[in-house]
Amino acid sequence: MTSAETIAKTIKRLAKYPDHARDGIIMNVYDRGTTSPYNVGCMLADAGLRDTPEKLKKADLDKTLIPKRVDTVLSDDLFEDLVNPPGAIEELKRVIDAYARAVAEEENA
């Protein structure tokens, strides 16, 4: 998962430093760290935006996926040096909290 802010920051940096976008360069765009859809669901539930999700086993998740789901951690020194992305958990909490505040304001309007 990547926040829109990190994507926008990446585009701005690539526009400023076009040599990093030359032919043959592939860049991963991500927020640092790892999480899972279940953990994101729990963060949304903690913010009052959904019910607490049911925790499934990886084997259950993989039953319907072909090819099988692969857990991977991205690492791209060029990207990290250029953008200095935020931590995934902290960024998710920041964005979810902002969204929860916006929902609450809309409900109270």
Protein backbone atom coordinates (compact mmCIF):
# COMPACT_ATOMS: atom_id res chain seq x y z
CA MET A 1 0.00 0.00 0.00
CA THR A 2 1.14 3.49 -0.76
CA SER A 3 -0.39 6.78 0.29
CA ALA A 4 -1.42 9.27 -2.36
CA GLU A 5 0.95 11.75 -0.71
CA THR A 6 3.93 9.43 -1.32
CA ILE A 7 2.88 8.93 -4.94
CA ALA A 8 2.55 12.70 -5.46
CA LYS A 9 5.93 13.30 -3.79
CA THR A 10 7.51 10.70 -6.10
CA ILE A 11 6.08 12.36 -9.22
CA LYS A 12 7.29 15.79 -8.07
CA ARG A 13 10.81 14.47 -7.39
CA LEU A 14 10.96 12.70 -10.75
CA ALA A 15 9.88 15.91 -12.48
CA LYS A 16 12.63 17.79 -10.62
CA TYR A 17 15.27 15.09 -11.29
CA PRO A 18 14.39 13.65 -14.72
CA ASP A 19 17.58 11.54 -14.87
CA HIS A 20 15.91 9.18 -12.39
CA ALA A 21 13.12 8.57 -14.92
CA ARG A 22 15.31 7.70 -17.90
CA ASP A 23 14.79 4.58 -20.01
CA GLY A 24 15.60 1.33 -18.26
CA ILE A 25 14.85 2.53 -14.73
CA ILE A 26 12.14 0.71 -12.81
CA MET A 27 11.20 2.18 -9.46
CA ASN A 28 9.10 0.66 -6.70
CA VAL A 29 6.85 3.20 -4.96
CA TYR A 30 5.85 2.31 -1.40
CA ASP A 31 5.58 3.42 2.19
CA ARG A 32 8.29 1.73 4.32
CA GLY A 33 7.39 -1.31 6.36
CA THR A 34 4.76 -3.97 6.18
CA THR A 35 1.18 -4.49 7.23
CA SER A 36 -1.73 -6.63 6.10
CA PRO A 37 -5.30 -6.06 4.93
CA TYR A 38 -6.41 -7.48 8.30
CA ASN A 39 -4.33 -4.90 10.21
CA VAL A 40 -5.70 -2.10 8.03
CA GLY A 41 -9.22 -3.38 8.76
CA CYS A 42 -8.43 -3.29 12.49
CA MET A 43 -7.16 0.30 12.21
CA LEU A 44 -10.37 1.27 10.39
CA ALA A 45 -12.43 -0.49 13.09
CA ASP A 46 -10.48 1.29 15.85
CA ALA A 47 -11.33 4.59 14.13
CA GLY A 48 -15.03 3.63 14.05
CA LEU A 49 -15.16 3.33 10.27
CA ARG A 50 -16.06 -0.38 10.00
CA ASP A 51 -16.67 -3.52 12.02
CA THR A 52 -13.68 -5.48 13.30
CA PRO A 53 -12.59 -7.87 10.53
CA GLU A 54 -12.50 -11.62 10.88
CA LYS A 55 -8.96 -12.97 10.96
CA LEU A 56 -8.36 -15.61 8.28
CA LYS A 57 -5.45 -18.01 7.93
CA LYS A 58 -3.11 -17.53 4.96
CA ALA A 59 -4.14 -20.97 3.68
CA ASP A 60 -7.78 -19.84 3.63
CA LEU A 61 -6.86 -16.68 1.75
CA ASP A 62 -4.87 -18.66 -0.79
CA LYS A 63 -7.71 -21.10 -1.62
CA THR A 64 -9.16 -18.84 -4.30
CA LEU A 65 -5.98 -17.13 -5.50
CA ILE A 66 -4.18 -18.45 -8.56
CA PRO A 67 -1.24 -17.99 -8.58
CA LYS A 68 -0.80 -18.13 -4.83
CA ARG A 69 -0.41 -14.89 -2.89
CA VAL A 70 3.19 -14.01 -2.11
CA ASP A 71 4.23 -11.86 0.81
CA THR A 72 7.07 -9.61 -0.22
CA VAL A 73 8.92 -6.62 1.14
CA LEU A 74 9.97 -3.98 -1.35
CA SER A 75 13.32 -2.30 -1.15
CA ASP A 76 14.51 0.25 -3.67
CA ASP A 77 17.49 2.39 -2.67
CA LEU A 78 17.00 4.83 -5.57
CA PHE A 79 13.39 5.44 -4.57
CA GLU A 80 14.13 5.71 -0.85
CA ASP A 81 16.99 8.16 -1.44
CA LEU A 82 14.84 10.26 -3.80
CA VAL A 83 11.58 10.30 -1.82
CA ASN A 84 12.35 9.23 1.79
CA PRO A 85 8.94 7.52 2.14
CA PRO A 86 7.12 7.44 5.47
CA GLY A 87 6.54 4.32 7.56
CA ALA A 88 3.49 2.35 6.36
CA ILE A 89 1.85 1.97 9.77
CA GLU A 90 2.32 5.62 10.73
CA GLU A 91 1.10 6.80 7.33
CA LEU A 92 -1.97 4.55 7.47
CA LYS A 93 -2.81 5.82 10.96
CA ARG A 94 -2.40 9.45 9.81
CA VAL A 95 -4.64 8.97 6.77
CA ILE A 96 -7.27 6.88 8.59
CA ASP A 97 -7.44 9.42 11.44
CA ALA A 98 -7.87 12.27 8.94
CA TYR A 99 -10.62 10.33 7.16
CA ALA A 100 -12.39 9.52 10.45
CA ARG A 101 -12.34 13.24 11.38
CA ALA A 102 -13.79 14.15 7.97
CA VAL A 103 -16.57 11.55 8.34
CA ALA A 104 -17.38 12.81 11.86
CA GLU A 105 -17.50 16.43 10.65
CA GLU A 106 -19.80 15.46 7.78
CA GLU A 107 -22.13 13.55 10.13
CA ASN A 108 -22.26 16.55 12.50
CA ALA A 109 -22.95 19.08 9.72
